[in-house]
Amino acid sequence: AARAADEEEPLAATISEARRVGVDDTDVAKAAERLEVLRAMTPAERAARLAQKSASEAKREAFVLVRKDRADELKELLDGLDSDTDWRGWKDYSGRTLAAYARQLRSSAVSALLEAPAAPPPPPPVAETPGP
């Protein structure tokens, strides 16, 4: 909710200021509609919007790190993503995945990182059974 307020408060202030200085009513109305959409969002919708925005920013940063051949920083970024984020499916404006982009740029450190097999998930914990 605090994150949504971070978006709503500046927009509300901007709308007030726009009205004060005489910005076109059509533009003010569009901003007011956007504010109402933000205010009407449920907590789940807000969380989904925030997750999508975060993944979008991470995707942009990942492609920058590939271009700079910064494997350690890329690994840290990818490890910090939500487990539901499918970064292997990310594509740039040319339709290249991170791995394809790294190969094209001959980013050796990043290519090695991205082409290494993923570690298998840890085995589930074994429940101890009481003895007889």
N, C-alpha and C. Protein backbone atom coordinates (compact mmCIF):
# COMPACT_ATOMS: atom_id res chain seq x y z
N ALA A 1 0.83 -1.18 0.00
CA ALA A 1 0.00 0.00 0.00
C ALA A 1 0.87 1.25 0.00
N ALA A 2 2.00 1.19 0.70
CA ALA A 2 2.89 2.35 0.74
C ALA A 2 3.45 2.64 -0.65
N ARG A 3 3.75 1.60 -1.39
CA ARG A 3 4.29 1.77 -2.75
C ARG A 3 3.25 2.44 -3.64
N ALA A 4 2.00 2.04 -3.50
CA ALA A 4 0.94 2.65 -4.30
C ALA A 4 0.78 4.12 -3.92
N ALA A 5 0.89 4.41 -2.65
CA ALA A 5 0.80 5.80 -2.20
C ALA A 5 1.95 6.61 -2.79
N ASP A 6 3.11 5.97 -2.97
CA ASP A 6 4.25 6.65 -3.57
C ASP A 6 3.92 7.09 -4.99
N GLU A 7 3.06 6.36 -5.68
CA GLU A 7 2.68 6.71 -7.04
C GLU A 7 1.49 7.67 -7.05
N GLU A 8 0.57 7.49 -6.12
CA GLU A 8 -0.65 8.30 -6.11
C GLU A 8 -0.39 9.73 -5.65
N GLU A 9 0.37 9.90 -4.61
CA GLU A 9 0.59 11.24 -4.05
C GLU A 9 1.22 12.20 -5.04
N PRO A 10 2.31 11.82 -5.72
CA PRO A 10 2.87 12.76 -6.70
C PRO A 10 1.91 13.07 -7.84
N LEU A 11 1.14 12.07 -8.26
CA LEU A 11 0.19 12.29 -9.34
C LEU A 11 -0.91 13.24 -8.89
N ALA A 12 -1.41 13.06 -7.69
CA ALA A 12 -2.44 13.96 -7.16
C ALA A 12 -1.89 15.38 -7.06
N ALA A 13 -0.66 15.53 -6.60
CA ALA A 13 -0.05 16.86 -6.49
C ALA A 13 0.14 17.48 -7.87
N THR A 14 0.54 16.67 -8.83
CA THR A 14 0.73 17.16 -10.20
C THR A 14 -0.59 17.61 -10.80
N ILE A 15 -1.65 16.87 -10.54
CA ILE A 15 -2.97 17.25 -11.05
C ILE A 15 -3.40 18.59 -10.45
N SER A 16 -3.22 18.75 -9.16
CA SER A 16 -3.57 20.02 -8.50
C SER A 16 -2.79 21.18 -9.11
N GLU A 17 -1.50 20.97 -9.29
CA GLU A 17 -0.65 22.01 -9.86
C GLU A 17 -1.05 22.31 -11.31
N ALA A 18 -1.39 21.27 -12.07
CA ALA A 18 -1.80 21.46 -13.47
C ALA A 18 -3.08 22.30 -13.53
N ARG A 19 -4.01 22.03 -12.63
CA ARG A 19 -5.25 22.82 -12.60
C ARG A 19 -4.95 24.28 -12.23
N ARG A 20 -4.04 24.45 -11.28
CA ARG A 20 -3.69 25.78 -10.81
C ARG A 20 -3.08 26.63 -11.92
N VAL A 21 -2.20 26.03 -12.74
CA VAL A 21 -1.51 26.80 -13.77
C VAL A 21 -2.26 26.81 -15.11
N GLY A 22 -3.40 26.14 -15.18
CA GLY A 22 -4.23 26.22 -16.37
C GLY A 22 -3.87 25.26 -17.50
N VAL A 23 -3.38 24.08 -17.15
CA VAL A 23 -3.12 23.06 -18.17
C VAL A 23 -4.45 22.65 -18.80
N ASP A 24 -4.40 22.29 -20.06
CA ASP A 24 -5.60 21.90 -20.81
C ASP A 24 -6.43 20.88 -20.02
N ASP A 25 -7.74 21.10 -19.99
CA ASP A 25 -8.65 20.23 -19.22
C ASP A 25 -8.59 18.78 -19.68
N THR A 26 -8.37 18.54 -20.97
CA THR A 26 -8.29 17.17 -21.48
C THR A 26 -7.12 16.43 -20.86
N ASP A 27 -5.98 17.11 -20.76
CA ASP A 27 -4.79 16.49 -20.17
C ASP A 27 -4.98 16.24 -18.68
N VAL A 28 -5.60 17.18 -18.00
CA VAL A 28 -5.87 17.03 -16.57
C VAL A 28 -6.84 15.87 -16.34
N ALA A 29 -7.84 15.77 -17.21
CA ALA A 29 -8.82 14.68 -17.08
C ALA A 29 -8.17 13.32 -17.27
N LYS A 30 -7.24 13.20 -18.21
CA LYS A 30 -6.52 11.94 -18.42
C LYS A 30 -5.73 11.56 -17.17
N ALA A 31 -5.07 12.53 -16.58
CA ALA A 31 -4.29 12.26 -15.37
C ALA A 31 -5.21 11.88 -14.21
N ALA A 32 -6.34 12.55 -14.11
CA ALA A 32 -7.31 12.24 -13.04
C ALA A 32 -7.86 10.83 -13.20
N GLU A 33 -8.11 10.42 -14.46
CA GLU A 33 -8.57 9.05 -14.70
C GLU A 33 -7.52 8.04 -14.27
N ARG A 34 -6.26 8.32 -14.58
CA ARG A 34 -5.17 7.42 -14.19
C ARG A 34 -5.07 7.32 -12.67
N LEU A 35 -5.25 8.44 -12.00
CA LEU A 35 -5.23 8.45 -10.53
C LEU A 35 -6.35 7.59 -9.98
N GLU A 36 -7.54 7.69 -10.55
CA GLU A 36 -8.66 6.87 -10.08
C GLU A 36 -8.40 5.39 -10.30
N VAL A 37 -7.76 5.05 -11.43
CA VAL A 37 -7.41 3.65 -11.70
C VAL A 37 -6.44 3.16 -10.62
N LEU A 38 -5.45 3.98 -10.30
CA LEU A 38 -4.48 3.59 -9.25
C LEU A 38 -5.17 3.39 -7.91
N ARG A 39 -6.06 4.30 -7.57
CA ARG A 39 -6.75 4.22 -6.28
C ARG A 39 -7.70 3.04 -6.20
N ALA A 40 -8.22 2.58 -7.34
CA ALA A 40 -9.18 1.48 -7.36
C ALA A 40 -8.52 0.10 -7.37
N MET A 41 -7.21 0.06 -7.50
CA MET A 41 -6.51 -1.24 -7.58
C MET A 41 -6.57 -1.97 -6.24
N THR A 42 -6.75 -3.29 -6.33
CA THR A 42 -6.73 -4.12 -5.13
C THR A 42 -5.27 -4.35 -4.73
N PRO A 43 -5.03 -4.78 -3.50
CA PRO A 43 -3.65 -5.08 -3.09
C PRO A 43 -2.98 -6.11 -4.00
N ALA A 44 -3.74 -7.11 -4.46
CA ALA A 44 -3.17 -8.12 -5.36
C ALA A 44 -2.78 -7.50 -6.70
N GLU A 45 -3.62 -6.61 -7.21
CA GLU A 45 -3.30 -5.92 -8.46
C GLU A 45 -2.07 -5.03 -8.30
N ARG A 46 -1.98 -4.37 -7.17
CA ARG A 46 -0.82 -3.52 -6.90
C ARG A 46 0.46 -4.36 -6.84
N ALA A 47 0.37 -5.51 -6.18
CA ALA A 47 1.54 -6.39 -6.06
C ALA A 47 1.95 -6.92 -7.43
N ALA A 48 0.98 -7.30 -8.24
CA ALA A 48 1.29 -7.80 -9.58
C ALA A 48 1.91 -6.71 -10.44
N ARG A 49 1.40 -5.50 -10.33
CA ARG A 49 1.94 -4.37 -11.09
C ARG A 49 3.37 -4.07 -10.65
N LEU A 50 3.61 -4.10 -9.37
CA LEU A 50 4.95 -3.86 -8.84
C LEU A 50 5.91 -4.96 -9.29
N ALA A 51 5.47 -6.21 -9.27
CA ALA A 51 6.33 -7.32 -9.69
C ALA A 51 6.66 -7.21 -11.17
N GLN A 52 5.68 -6.81 -11.98
CA GLN A 52 5.93 -6.65 -13.41
C GLN A 52 6.91 -5.51 -13.66
N LYS A 53 6.75 -4.43 -12.93
CA LYS A 53 7.65 -3.29 -13.09
C LYS A 53 9.06 -3.66 -12.67
N SER A 54 9.18 -4.38 -11.58
CA SER A 54 10.48 -4.82 -11.08
C SER A 54 11.17 -5.76 -12.08
N ALA A 55 10.41 -6.69 -12.64
CA ALA A 55 10.97 -7.62 -13.63
C ALA A 55 11.40 -6.88 -14.88
N SER A 56 10.64 -5.88 -15.27
CA SER A 56 10.99 -5.10 -16.46
C SER A 56 12.30 -4.35 -16.25
N GLU A 57 12.47 -3.77 -15.06
CA GLU A 57 13.72 -3.06 -14.75
C GLU A 57 14.89 -4.04 -14.69
N ALA A 58 14.66 -5.22 -14.12
CA ALA A 58 15.71 -6.23 -14.04
C ALA A 58 16.11 -6.71 -15.43
N LYS A 59 15.14 -6.87 -16.30
CA LYS A 59 15.42 -7.30 -17.68
C LYS A 59 16.32 -6.28 -18.38
N ARG A 60 15.97 -5.02 -18.28
CA ARG A 60 16.77 -3.97 -18.90
C ARG A 60 18.19 -3.99 -18.36
N GLU A 61 18.32 -4.10 -17.05
CA GLU A 61 19.64 -4.12 -16.41
C GLU A 61 20.42 -5.37 -16.82
N ALA A 62 19.75 -6.50 -16.96
CA ALA A 62 20.42 -7.75 -17.35
C ALA A 62 21.06 -7.62 -18.73
N PHE A 63 20.35 -7.03 -19.67
CA PHE A 63 20.92 -6.86 -21.01
C PHE A 63 22.10 -5.89 -21.00
N VAL A 64 22.05 -4.90 -20.15
CA VAL A 64 23.20 -3.98 -20.01
C VAL A 64 24.41 -4.74 -19.46
N LEU A 65 24.18 -5.58 -18.47
CA LEU A 65 25.28 -6.34 -17.87
C LEU A 65 25.87 -7.35 -18.86
N VAL A 66 25.04 -7.92 -19.71
CA VAL A 66 25.54 -8.82 -20.75
C VAL A 66 26.45 -8.04 -21.70
N ARG A 67 25.98 -6.86 -22.10
CA ARG A 67 26.76 -6.04 -23.03
C ARG A 67 28.12 -5.68 -22.43
N LYS A 68 28.15 -5.47 -21.11
CA LYS A 68 29.40 -5.10 -20.44
C LYS A 68 30.21 -6.31 -20.00
N ASP A 69 29.70 -7.52 -20.23
CA ASP A 69 30.34 -8.78 -19.85
C ASP A 69 30.65 -8.83 -18.35
N ARG A 70 29.66 -8.47 -17.56
CA ARG A 70 29.80 -8.46 -16.09
C ARG A 70 29.03 -9.64 -15.50
N ALA A 71 29.67 -10.79 -15.55
CA ALA A 71 29.02 -12.03 -15.13
C ALA A 71 28.66 -12.04 -13.65
N ASP A 72 29.57 -11.55 -12.79
CA ASP A 72 29.29 -11.57 -11.35
C ASP A 72 28.06 -10.73 -11.00
N GLU A 73 27.97 -9.55 -11.59
CA GLU A 73 26.83 -8.68 -11.33
C GLU A 73 25.55 -9.27 -11.91
N LEU A 74 25.66 -9.89 -13.08
CA LEU A 74 24.49 -10.52 -13.69
C LEU A 74 24.01 -11.69 -12.83
N LYS A 75 24.93 -12.50 -12.33
CA LYS A 75 24.55 -13.62 -11.47
C LYS A 75 23.83 -13.12 -10.23
N GLU A 76 24.35 -12.06 -9.64
CA GLU A 76 23.72 -11.48 -8.45
C GLU A 76 22.31 -10.99 -8.77
N LEU A 77 22.16 -10.33 -9.91
CA LEU A 77 20.85 -9.84 -10.33
C LEU A 77 19.87 -11.00 -10.54
N LEU A 78 20.30 -12.01 -11.27
CA LEU A 78 19.42 -13.15 -11.57
C LEU A 78 19.09 -13.95 -10.32
N ASP A 79 20.06 -14.10 -9.42
CA ASP A 79 19.81 -14.83 -8.17
C ASP A 79 18.82 -14.09 -7.28
N GLY A 80 18.76 -12.76 -7.41
CA GLY A 80 17.87 -11.97 -6.59
C GLY A 80 16.43 -11.88 -7.11
N LEU A 81 16.19 -12.47 -8.27
CA LEU A 81 14.84 -12.42 -8.85
C LEU A 81 13.90 -13.38 -8.14
N ASP A 82 12.63 -13.07 -8.21
CA ASP A 82 11.58 -13.94 -7.70
C ASP A 82 11.66 -15.26 -8.46
N SER A 83 11.41 -16.35 -7.79
CA SER A 83 11.52 -17.67 -8.43
C SER A 83 10.52 -17.84 -9.58
N ASP A 84 9.48 -17.04 -9.62
CA ASP A 84 8.49 -17.12 -10.70
C ASP A 84 8.94 -16.38 -11.96
N THR A 85 10.02 -15.62 -11.87
CA THR A 85 10.48 -14.83 -13.01
C THR A 85 11.26 -15.72 -13.97
N ASP A 86 10.78 -15.82 -15.19
CA ASP A 86 11.42 -16.66 -16.21
C ASP A 86 12.40 -15.82 -17.02
N TRP A 87 13.56 -15.54 -16.46
CA TRP A 87 14.53 -14.68 -17.13
C TRP A 87 15.12 -15.34 -18.38
N ARG A 88 15.08 -16.67 -18.45
CA ARG A 88 15.61 -17.34 -19.65
C ARG A 88 14.76 -17.04 -20.88
N GLY A 89 13.53 -16.63 -20.69
CA GLY A 89 12.66 -16.29 -21.79
C GLY A 89 12.70 -14.83 -22.20
N TRP A 90 13.45 -14.01 -21.46
CA TRP A 90 13.54 -12.59 -21.78
C TRP A 90 14.18 -12.40 -23.15
N LYS A 91 13.65 -11.47 -23.92
CA LYS A 91 14.21 -11.16 -25.23
C LYS A 91 14.32 -9.64 -25.37
N ASP A 92 15.32 -9.23 -26.12
CA ASP A 92 15.50 -7.80 -26.37
C ASP A 92 14.69 -7.38 -27.59
N TYR A 93 14.85 -6.14 -28.00
CA TYR A 93 14.08 -5.62 -29.13
C TYR A 93 14.35 -6.36 -30.43
N SER A 94 15.49 -7.08 -30.50
CA SER A 94 15.81 -7.85 -31.70
C SER A 94 15.43 -9.32 -31.58
N GLY A 95 14.77 -9.68 -30.49
CA GLY A 95 14.33 -11.05 -30.29
C GLY A 95 15.40 -11.98 -29.74
N ARG A 96 16.50 -11.42 -29.24
CA ARG A 96 17.60 -12.23 -28.70
C ARG A 96 17.40 -12.48 -27.21
N THR A 97 17.67 -13.71 -26.80
CA THR A 97 17.68 -14.01 -25.37
C THR A 97 18.98 -13.48 -24.79
N LEU A 98 19.10 -13.52 -23.46
CA LEU A 98 20.35 -13.09 -22.82
C LEU A 98 21.53 -13.91 -23.34
N ALA A 99 21.34 -15.23 -23.44
CA ALA A 99 22.42 -16.11 -23.89
C ALA A 99 22.79 -15.83 -25.35
N ALA A 100 21.80 -15.64 -26.20
CA ALA A 100 22.08 -15.35 -27.61
C ALA A 100 22.80 -14.00 -27.75
N TYR A 101 22.40 -13.03 -26.97
CA TYR A 101 23.03 -11.71 -26.99
C TYR A 101 24.49 -11.83 -26.54
N ALA A 102 24.72 -12.61 -25.48
CA ALA A 102 26.08 -12.80 -24.98
C ALA A 102 26.96 -13.47 -26.03
N ARG A 103 26.41 -14.49 -26.70
CA ARG A 103 27.19 -15.16 -27.76
C ARG A 103 27.50 -14.19 -28.90
N GLN A 104 26.52 -13.42 -29.31
CA GLN A 104 26.73 -12.47 -30.41
C GLN A 104 27.80 -11.44 -30.07
N LEU A 105 27.81 -10.98 -28.82
CA LEU A 105 28.79 -9.99 -28.39
C LEU A 105 30.12 -10.60 -27.98
N ARG A 106 30.16 -11.93 -27.97
CA ARG A 106 31.34 -12.67 -27.51
C ARG A 106 31.70 -12.28 -26.07
N SER A 107 30.68 -12.15 -25.26
CA SER A 107 30.84 -11.87 -23.83
C SER A 107 31.14 -13.19 -23.14
N SER A 108 32.42 -13.53 -23.07
CA SER A 108 32.81 -14.87 -22.64
C SER A 108 32.38 -15.20 -21.21
N ALA A 109 32.58 -14.29 -20.28
CA ALA A 109 32.24 -14.58 -18.88
C ALA A 109 30.73 -14.78 -18.72
N VAL A 110 29.96 -13.92 -19.36
CA VAL A 110 28.51 -14.02 -19.27
C VAL A 110 28.01 -15.27 -19.99
N SER A 111 28.58 -15.56 -21.14
CA SER A 111 28.17 -16.77 -21.88
C SER A 111 28.38 -18.01 -21.03
N ALA A 112 29.53 -18.09 -20.37
CA ALA A 112 29.81 -19.24 -19.51
C ALA A 112 28.78 -19.35 -18.39
N LEU A 113 28.42 -18.22 -17.81
CA LEU A 113 27.42 -18.21 -16.74
C LEU A 113 26.06 -18.67 -17.25
N LEU A 114 25.62 -18.12 -18.36
CA LEU A 114 24.28 -18.41 -18.86
C LEU A 114 24.14 -19.80 -19.46
N GLU A 115 25.23 -20.34 -19.95
CA GLU A 115 25.16 -21.65 -20.57
C GLU A 115 25.49 -22.79 -19.62
N ALA A 116 25.88 -22.45 -18.39
CA ALA A 116 26.12 -23.48 -17.38
C ALA A 116 24.78 -24.10 -17.01
N PRO A 117 24.76 -25.41 -16.80
CA PRO A 117 23.49 -26.04 -16.42
C PRO A 117 23.01 -25.49 -15.08
N ALA A 118 21.72 -25.32 -14.98
CA ALA A 118 21.14 -24.83 -13.74
C ALA A 118 21.31 -25.88 -12.65
N ALA A 119 21.57 -25.41 -11.46
CA ALA A 119 21.70 -26.33 -10.32
C ALA A 119 20.35 -26.96 -10.03
N PRO A 120 20.33 -28.25 -9.75
CA PRO A 120 19.05 -28.89 -9.43
C PRO A 120 18.52 -28.35 -8.11
N PRO A 121 17.21 -28.33 -7.96
CA PRO A 121 16.65 -27.85 -6.70
C PRO A 121 17.02 -28.80 -5.57
N PRO A 122 17.13 -28.28 -4.36
CA PRO A 122 17.48 -29.16 -3.24
C PRO A 122 16.38 -30.18 -3.00
N PRO A 123 16.75 -31.38 -2.50
CA PRO A 123 15.73 -32.39 -2.24
C PRO A 123 14.81 -31.92 -1.11
N PRO A 124 13.56 -32.39 -1.14
CA PRO A 124 12.65 -32.01 -0.06
C PRO A 124 13.12 -32.62 1.26
N PRO A 125 12.84 -31.93 2.35
CA PRO A 125 13.27 -32.47 3.66
C PRO A 125 12.54 -33.78 3.97
N VAL A 126 13.25 -34.67 4.58
CA VAL A 126 12.68 -35.96 4.94
C VAL A 126 12.12 -35.83 6.36
N ALA A 127 10.86 -36.16 6.50
CA ALA A 127 10.23 -36.08 7.82
C ALA A 127 10.68 -37.27 8.65
N GLU A 128 11.04 -36.96 9.86
CA GLU A 128 11.46 -38.05 10.76
C GLU A 128 10.22 -38.73 11.30
N THR A 129 10.27 -40.05 11.30
CA THR A 129 9.15 -40.82 11.85
C THR A 129 9.54 -41.32 13.22
N PRO A 130 8.63 -41.26 14.15
CA PRO A 130 8.95 -41.73 15.50
C PRO A 130 9.22 -43.24 15.51
N GLY A 131 10.17 -43.62 16.30
CA GLY A 131 10.52 -45.04 16.40
C GLY A 131 9.49 -45.83 17.17
N PRO A 132 9.55 -47.18 17.07
CA PRO A 132 8.54 -48.02 17.76
C PRO A 132 8.70 -48.04 19.23
